[in-house]
Amino acid sequence: MTWRSLVRAFIQDRWDVGTEFRIDNLYAELGMFERAYPHNHHVREKLRQVIQLLRDDGEILFLDDAGLYKRLR
């Protein structure tokens, strides 16, 4: 499973389309991501990167500088 597919699945499992969420919600599950990629020592940074990619793909919408997003699809 790729980082993108893991984060996408996490978002889809927890929030319906149109629902807002914070990146802190992903950070709260940091252990799950660390277990999936035990050799990655920069998990928070990777999560931010993947969120930006999902935003660029039109799957989520960036709402503010405080880490608020909305699931689009």
PDB file of N, CA and C in Angstrom:
ATOM      1  N   MET A   1       0.847  -1.171   0.000  1.00  0.00           N
ATOM      2  CA  MET A   1       0.000   0.000   0.000  1.00  0.00           C
ATOM      3  C   MET A   1       0.897   1.240   0.000  1.00  0.00           C
ATOM      4  N   THR A   2       0.564   2.183  -0.835  1.00  0.00           N
ATOM      5  CA  THR A   2       1.341   3.419  -0.894  1.00  0.00           C
ATOM      6  C   THR A   2       0.879   4.375   0.206  1.00  0.00           C
ATOM      7  N   TRP A   3       1.706   5.368   0.480  1.00  0.00           N
ATOM      8  CA  TRP A   3       1.325   6.391   1.451  1.00  0.00           C
ATOM      9  C   TRP A   3       0.029   7.047   1.025  1.00  0.00           C
ATOM     10  N   ARG A   4      -0.066   7.400  -0.252  1.00  0.00           N
ATOM     11  CA  ARG A   4      -1.260   8.091  -0.740  1.00  0.00           C
ATOM     12  C   ARG A   4      -2.505   7.232  -0.550  1.00  0.00           C
ATOM     13  N   SER A   5      -2.415   5.966  -0.891  1.00  0.00           N
ATOM     14  CA  SER A   5      -3.593   5.099  -0.750  1.00  0.00           C
ATOM     15  C   SER A   5      -3.942   4.867   0.723  1.00  0.00           C
ATOM     16  N   LEU A   6      -2.939   4.796   1.587  1.00  0.00           N
ATOM     17  CA  LEU A   6      -3.197   4.617   3.019  1.00  0.00           C
ATOM     18  C   LEU A   6      -3.906   5.835   3.610  1.00  0.00           C
ATOM     19  N   VAL A   7      -3.412   7.024   3.295  1.00  0.00           N
ATOM     20  CA  VAL A   7      -4.029   8.241   3.826  1.00  0.00           C
ATOM     21  C   VAL A   7      -5.413   8.440   3.212  1.00  0.00           C
ATOM     22  N   ARG A   8      -5.561   8.163   1.925  1.00  0.00           N
ATOM     23  CA  ARG A   8      -6.871   8.262   1.266  1.00  0.00           C
ATOM     24  C   ARG A   8      -7.874   7.331   1.948  1.00  0.00           C
ATOM     25  N   ALA A   9      -7.490   6.099   2.191  1.00  0.00           N
ATOM     26  CA  ALA A   9      -8.381   5.134   2.842  1.00  0.00           C
ATOM     27  C   ALA A   9      -8.735   5.590   4.253  1.00  0.00           C
ATOM     28  N   PHE A  10      -7.760   6.130   4.973  1.00  0.00           N
ATOM     29  CA  PHE A  10      -7.997   6.634   6.323  1.00  0.00           C
ATOM     30  C   PHE A  10      -9.058   7.728   6.292  1.00  0.00           C
ATOM     31  N   ILE A  11      -8.915   8.671   5.382  1.00  0.00           N
ATOM     32  CA  ILE A  11      -9.874   9.779   5.271  1.00  0.00           C
ATOM     33  C   ILE A  11     -11.246   9.256   4.862  1.00  0.00           C
ATOM     34  N   GLN A  12     -11.298   8.383   3.881  1.00  0.00           N
ATOM     35  CA  GLN A  12     -12.577   7.860   3.402  1.00  0.00           C
ATOM     36  C   GLN A  12     -13.297   7.033   4.467  1.00  0.00           C
ATOM     37  N   ASP A  13     -12.543   6.345   5.294  1.00  0.00           N
ATOM     38  CA  ASP A  13     -13.153   5.528   6.353  1.00  0.00           C
ATOM     39  C   ASP A  13     -13.734   6.360   7.486  1.00  0.00           C
ATOM     40  N   ARG A  14     -13.212   7.556   7.680  1.00  0.00           N
ATOM     41  CA  ARG A  14     -13.606   8.352   8.844  1.00  0.00           C
ATOM     42  C   ARG A  14     -14.528   9.524   8.553  1.00  0.00           C
ATOM     43  N   TRP A  15     -14.463  10.067   7.329  1.00  0.00           N
ATOM     44  CA  TRP A  15     -15.268  11.262   7.037  1.00  0.00           C
ATOM     45  C   TRP A  15     -16.036  11.100   5.742  1.00  0.00           C
ATOM     46  N   ASP A  16     -17.285  11.487   5.783  1.00  0.00           N
ATOM     47  CA  ASP A  16     -18.121  11.488   4.593  1.00  0.00           C
ATOM     48  C   ASP A  16     -17.728  12.637   3.679  1.00  0.00           C
ATOM     49  N   VAL A  17     -18.106  12.550   2.434  1.00  0.00           N
ATOM     50  CA  VAL A  17     -17.888  13.648   1.491  1.00  0.00           C
ATOM     51  C   VAL A  17     -18.568  14.895   2.050  1.00  0.00           C
ATOM     52  N   GLY A  18     -17.855  16.020   2.013  1.00  0.00           N
ATOM     53  CA  GLY A  18     -18.374  17.274   2.526  1.00  0.00           C
ATOM     54  C   GLY A  18     -18.036  17.545   3.978  1.00  0.00           C
ATOM     55  N   THR A  19     -17.467  16.565   4.654  1.00  0.00           N
ATOM     56  CA  THR A  19     -17.129  16.708   6.065  1.00  0.00           C
ATOM     57  C   THR A  19     -15.767  17.382   6.209  1.00  0.00           C
ATOM     58  N   GLU A  20     -15.678  18.275   7.193  1.00  0.00           N
ATOM     59  CA  GLU A  20     -14.409  18.932   7.498  1.00  0.00           C
ATOM     60  C   GLU A  20     -13.639  18.115   8.534  1.00  0.00           C
ATOM     61  N   PHE A  21     -12.323  18.178   8.427  1.00  0.00           N
ATOM     62  CA  PHE A  21     -11.461  17.514   9.394  1.00  0.00           C
ATOM     63  C   PHE A  21     -10.162  18.300   9.506  1.00  0.00           C
ATOM     64  N   ARG A  22      -9.412  18.019  10.529  1.00  0.00           N
ATOM     65  CA  ARG A  22      -8.129  18.694  10.756  1.00  0.00           C
ATOM     66  C   ARG A  22      -6.976  17.704  10.581  1.00  0.00           C
ATOM     67  N   ILE A  23      -5.858  18.231  10.185  1.00  0.00           N
ATOM     68  CA  ILE A  23      -4.679  17.376  10.069  1.00  0.00           C
ATOM     69  C   ILE A  23      -4.335  16.772  11.431  1.00  0.00           C
ATOM     70  N   ASP A  24      -4.709  17.465  12.507  1.00  0.00           N
ATOM     71  CA  ASP A  24      -4.491  16.916  13.856  1.00  0.00           C
ATOM     72  C   ASP A  24      -5.228  15.600  14.051  1.00  0.00           C
ATOM     73  N   ASN A  25      -6.335  15.396  13.319  1.00  0.00           N
ATOM     74  CA  ASN A  25      -7.043  14.122  13.389  1.00  0.00           C
ATOM     75  C   ASN A  25      -6.171  12.993  12.847  1.00  0.00           C
ATOM     76  N   LEU A  26      -5.375  13.284  11.830  1.00  0.00           N
ATOM     77  CA  LEU A  26      -4.447  12.292  11.306  1.00  0.00           C
ATOM     78  C   LEU A  26      -3.285  12.087  12.273  1.00  0.00           C
ATOM     79  N   TYR A  27      -2.783  13.187  12.832  1.00  0.00           N
ATOM     80  CA  TYR A  27      -1.688  13.085  13.794  1.00  0.00           C
ATOM     81  C   TYR A  27      -2.100  12.259  15.017  1.00  0.00           C
ATOM     82  N   ALA A  28      -3.372  12.296  15.371  1.00  0.00           N
ATOM     83  CA  ALA A  28      -3.858  11.531  16.521  1.00  0.00           C
ATOM     84  C   ALA A  28      -3.699  10.028  16.300  1.00  0.00           C
ATOM     85  N   GLU A  29      -3.604   9.629  15.046  1.00  0.00           N
ATOM     86  CA  GLU A  29      -3.435   8.211  14.697  1.00  0.00           C
ATOM     87  C   GLU A  29      -2.022   7.928  14.206  1.00  0.00           C
ATOM     88  N   LEU A  30      -1.078   8.726  14.644  1.00  0.00           N
ATOM     89  CA  LEU A  30       0.300   8.618  14.188  1.00  0.00           C
ATOM     90  C   LEU A  30       0.844   7.198  14.318  1.00  0.00           C
ATOM     91  N   GLY A  31       0.494   6.528  15.394  1.00  0.00           N
ATOM     92  CA  GLY A  31       0.978   5.169  15.613  1.00  0.00           C
ATOM     93  C   GLY A  31       0.609   4.221  14.494  1.00  0.00           C
ATOM     94  N   MET A  32      -0.586   4.357  13.948  1.00  0.00           N
ATOM     95  CA  MET A  32      -1.013   3.500  12.844  1.00  0.00           C
ATOM     96  C   MET A  32      -0.117   3.707  11.626  1.00  0.00           C
ATOM     97  N   PHE A  33       0.170   4.977  11.317  1.00  0.00           N
ATOM     98  CA  PHE A  33       1.020   5.278  10.177  1.00  0.00           C
ATOM     99  C   PHE A  33       2.466   4.833  10.429  1.00  0.00           C
ATOM    100  N   GLU A  34       2.932   4.979  11.655  1.00  0.00           N
ATOM    101  CA  GLU A  34       4.281   4.533  12.004  1.00  0.00           C
ATOM    102  C   GLU A  34       4.408   3.017  11.891  1.00  0.00           C
ATOM    103  N   ARG A  35       3.366   2.299  12.265  1.00  0.00           N
ATOM    104  CA  ARG A  35       3.396   0.830  12.135  1.00  0.00           C
ATOM    105  C   ARG A  35       3.385   0.418  10.663  1.00  0.00           C
ATOM    106  N   ALA A  36       2.669   1.165   9.827  1.00  0.00           N
ATOM    107  CA  ALA A  36       2.599   0.840   8.399  1.00  0.00           C
ATOM    108  C   ALA A  36       3.945   1.083   7.713  1.00  0.00           C
ATOM    109  N   TYR A  37       4.675   2.093   8.202  1.00  0.00           N
ATOM    110  CA  TYR A  37       5.972   2.443   7.616  1.00  0.00           C
ATOM    111  C   TYR A  37       7.002   2.625   8.732  1.00  0.00           C
ATOM    112  N   PRO A  38       7.446   1.529   9.327  1.00  0.00           N
ATOM    113  CA  PRO A  38       8.313   1.614  10.505  1.00  0.00           C
ATOM    114  C   PRO A  38       9.692   2.229  10.241  1.00  0.00           C
ATOM    115  N   HIS A  39      10.113   2.280   9.001  1.00  0.00           N
ATOM    116  CA  HIS A  39      11.428   2.840   8.703  1.00  0.00           C
ATOM    117  C   HIS A  39      11.367   4.330   8.372  1.00  0.00           C
ATOM    118  N   ASN A  40      10.179   4.884   8.311  1.00  0.00           N
ATOM    119  CA  ASN A  40      10.028   6.312   8.045  1.00  0.00           C
ATOM    120  C   ASN A  40      10.066   7.054   9.380  1.00  0.00           C
ATOM    121  N   HIS A  41      11.042   7.907   9.524  1.00  0.00           N
ATOM    122  CA  HIS A  41      11.215   8.644  10.781  1.00  0.00           C
ATOM    123  C   HIS A  41      10.682  10.076  10.697  1.00  0.00           C
ATOM    124  N   HIS A  42       9.929  10.341   9.638  1.00  0.00           N
ATOM    125  CA  HIS A  42       9.368  11.678   9.421  1.00  0.00           C
ATOM    126  C   HIS A  42       7.890  11.558   9.034  1.00  0.00           C
ATOM    127  N   VAL A  43       7.150  10.869   9.860  1.00  0.00           N
ATOM    128  CA  VAL A  43       5.759  10.541   9.533  1.00  0.00           C
ATOM    129  C   VAL A  43       4.893  11.795   9.451  1.00  0.00           C
ATOM    130  N   ARG A  44       5.024  12.715  10.379  1.00  0.00           N
ATOM    131  CA  ARG A  44       4.222  13.948  10.325  1.00  0.00           C
ATOM    132  C   ARG A  44       4.467  14.709   9.022  1.00  0.00           C
ATOM    133  N   GLU A  45       5.716  14.818   8.642  1.00  0.00           N
ATOM    134  CA  GLU A  45       6.061  15.514   7.415  1.00  0.00           C
ATOM    135  C   GLU A  45       5.462  14.804   6.199  1.00  0.00           C
ATOM    136  N   LYS A  46       5.526  13.476   6.214  1.00  0.00           N
ATOM    137  CA  LYS A  46       4.973  12.698   5.106  1.00  0.00           C
ATOM    138  C   LYS A  46       3.458  12.866   5.028  1.00  0.00           C
ATOM    139  N   LEU A  47       2.793  12.884   6.180  1.00  0.00           N
ATOM    140  CA  LEU A  47       1.351  13.105   6.188  1.00  0.00           C
ATOM    141  C   LEU A  47       1.007  14.459   5.570  1.00  0.00           C
ATOM    142  N   ARG A  48       1.748  15.490   5.927  1.00  0.00           N
ATOM    143  CA  ARG A  48       1.500  16.814   5.345  1.00  0.00           C
ATOM    144  C   ARG A  48       1.705  16.792   3.830  1.00  0.00           C
ATOM    145  N   GLN A  49       2.747  16.096   3.384  1.00  0.00           N
ATOM    146  CA  GLN A  49       3.008  15.996   1.956  1.00  0.00           C
ATOM    147  C   GLN A  49       1.867  15.283   1.228  1.00  0.00           C
ATOM    148  N   VAL A  50       1.426  14.179   1.780  1.00  0.00           N
ATOM    149  CA  VAL A  50       0.360  13.406   1.139  1.00  0.00           C
ATOM    150  C   VAL A  50      -0.948  14.189   1.131  1.00  0.00           C
ATOM    151  N   ILE A  51      -1.233  14.911   2.202  1.00  0.00           N
ATOM    152  CA  ILE A  51      -2.430  15.758   2.243  1.00  0.00           C
ATOM    153  C   ILE A  51      -2.380  16.787   1.110  1.00  0.00           C
ATOM    154  N   GLN A  52      -1.200  17.357   0.876  1.00  0.00           N
ATOM    155  CA  GLN A  52      -1.052  18.320  -0.214  1.00  0.00           C
ATOM    156  C   GLN A  52      -1.288  17.659  -1.569  1.00  0.00           C
ATOM    157  N   LEU A  53      -0.811  16.434  -1.729  1.00  0.00           N
ATOM    158  CA  LEU A  53      -1.036  15.705  -2.983  1.00  0.00           C
ATOM    159  C   LEU A  53      -2.525  15.411  -3.188  1.00  0.00           C
ATOM    160  N   LEU A  54      -3.209  14.986  -2.124  1.00  0.00           N
ATOM    161  CA  LEU A  54      -4.642  14.719  -2.221  1.00  0.00           C
ATOM    162  C   LEU A  54      -5.407  16.002  -2.524  1.00  0.00           C
ATOM    163  N   ARG A  55      -4.945  17.119  -1.973  1.00  0.00           N
ATOM    164  CA  ARG A  55      -5.531  18.421  -2.281  1.00  0.00           C
ATOM    165  C   ARG A  55      -5.326  18.739  -3.765  1.00  0.00           C
ATOM    166  N   ASP A  56      -4.118  18.542  -4.263  1.00  0.00           N
ATOM    167  CA  ASP A  56      -3.813  18.816  -5.666  1.00  0.00           C
ATOM    168  C   ASP A  56      -4.612  17.919  -6.604  1.00  0.00           C
ATOM    169  N   ASP A  57      -4.934  16.712  -6.144  1.00  0.00           N
ATOM    170  CA  ASP A  57      -5.741  15.772  -6.937  1.00  0.00           C
ATOM    171  C   ASP A  57      -7.234  16.083  -6.874  1.00  0.00           C
ATOM    172  N   GLY A  58      -7.631  17.063  -6.055  1.00  0.00           N
ATOM    173  CA  GLY A  58      -9.038  17.433  -5.943  1.00  0.00           C
ATOM    174  C   GLY A  58      -9.841  16.535  -5.029  1.00  0.00           C
ATOM    175  N   GLU A  59      -9.170  15.748  -4.195  1.00  0.00           N
ATOM    176  CA  GLU A  59      -9.880  14.850  -3.289  1.00  0.00           C
ATOM    177  C   GLU A  59     -10.262  15.526  -1.981  1.00  0.00           C
ATOM    178  N   ILE A  60      -9.455  16.507  -1.587  1.00  0.00           N
ATOM    179  CA  ILE A  60      -9.754  17.285  -0.390  1.00  0.00           C
ATOM    180  C   ILE A  60      -9.530  18.760  -0.704  1.00  0.00           C
ATOM    181  N   LEU A  61     -10.112  19.612   0.108  1.00  0.00           N
ATOM    182  CA  LEU A  61      -9.996  21.059  -0.065  1.00  0.00           C
ATOM    183  C   LEU A  61      -9.327  21.653   1.156  1.00  0.00           C
ATOM    184  N   PHE A  62      -8.319  22.469   0.935  1.00  0.00           N
ATOM    185  CA  PHE A  62      -7.625  23.187   1.998  1.00  0.00           C
ATOM    186  C   PHE A  62      -8.488  24.375   2.389  1.00  0.00           C
ATOM    187  N   LEU A  63      -8.826  24.513   3.678  1.00  0.00           N
ATOM    188  CA  LEU A  63      -9.721  25.577   4.117  1.00  0.00           C
ATOM    189  C   LEU A  63      -9.019  26.703   4.868  1.00  0.00           C
ATOM    190  N   ASP A  64      -7.999  26.386   5.664  1.00  0.00           N
ATOM    191  CA  ASP A  64      -7.310  27.462   6.388  1.00  0.00           C
ATOM    192  C   ASP A  64      -5.922  27.039   6.830  1.00  0.00           C
ATOM    193  N   ASP A  65      -5.166  28.017   7.320  1.00  0.00           N
ATOM    194  CA  ASP A  65      -3.783  27.769   7.745  1.00  0.00           C
ATOM    195  C   ASP A  65      -3.678  27.018   9.062  1.00  0.00           C
ATOM    196  N   ALA A  66      -4.804  26.728   9.693  1.00  0.00           N
ATOM    197  CA  ALA A  66      -4.800  25.985  10.954  1.00  0.00           C
ATOM    198  C   ALA A  66      -4.941  24.481  10.720  1.00  0.00           C
ATOM    199  N   GLY A  67      -4.834  24.034   9.462  1.00  0.00           N
ATOM    200  CA  GLY A  67      -4.891  22.606   9.162  1.00  0.00           C
ATOM    201  C   GLY A  67      -6.288  22.056   8.974  1.00  0.00           C
ATOM    202  N   LEU A  68      -7.229  22.910   8.551  1.00  0.00           N
ATOM    203  CA  LEU A  68      -8.600  22.473   8.319  1.00  0.00           C
ATOM    204  C   LEU A  68      -8.785  22.109   6.851  1.00  0.00           C
ATOM    205  N   TYR A  69      -9.377  20.955   6.621  1.00  0.00           N
ATOM    206  CA  TYR A  69      -9.619  20.435   5.266  1.00  0.00           C
ATOM    207  C   TYR A  69     -11.055  19.964   5.167  1.00  0.00           C
ATOM    208  N   LYS A  70     -11.505  19.766   3.924  1.00  0.00           N
ATOM    209  CA  LYS A  70     -12.836  19.216   3.673  1.00  0.00           C
ATOM    210  C   LYS A  70     -12.685  18.109   2.646  1.00  0.00           C
ATOM    211  N   ARG A  71     -13.329  16.979   2.907  1.00  0.00           N
ATOM    212  CA  ARG A  71     -13.303  15.864   1.954  1.00  0.00           C
ATOM    213  C   ARG A  71     -14.249  16.180   0.810  1.00  0.00           C
ATOM    214  N   LEU A  72     -13.731  16.109  -0.414  1.00  0.00           N
ATOM    215  CA  LEU A  72     -14.534  16.424  -1.597  1.00  0.00           C
ATOM    216  C   LEU A  72     -15.069  15.193  -2.301  1.00  0.00           C
ATOM    217  N   ARG A  73     -14.307  14.118  -2.299  1.00  0.00           N
ATOM    218  CA  ARG A  73     -14.776  12.894  -2.977  1.00  0.00           C
ATOM    219  C   ARG A  73     -14.177  11.677  -2.318  1.00  0.00           C
TER     220      ARG A  73
END
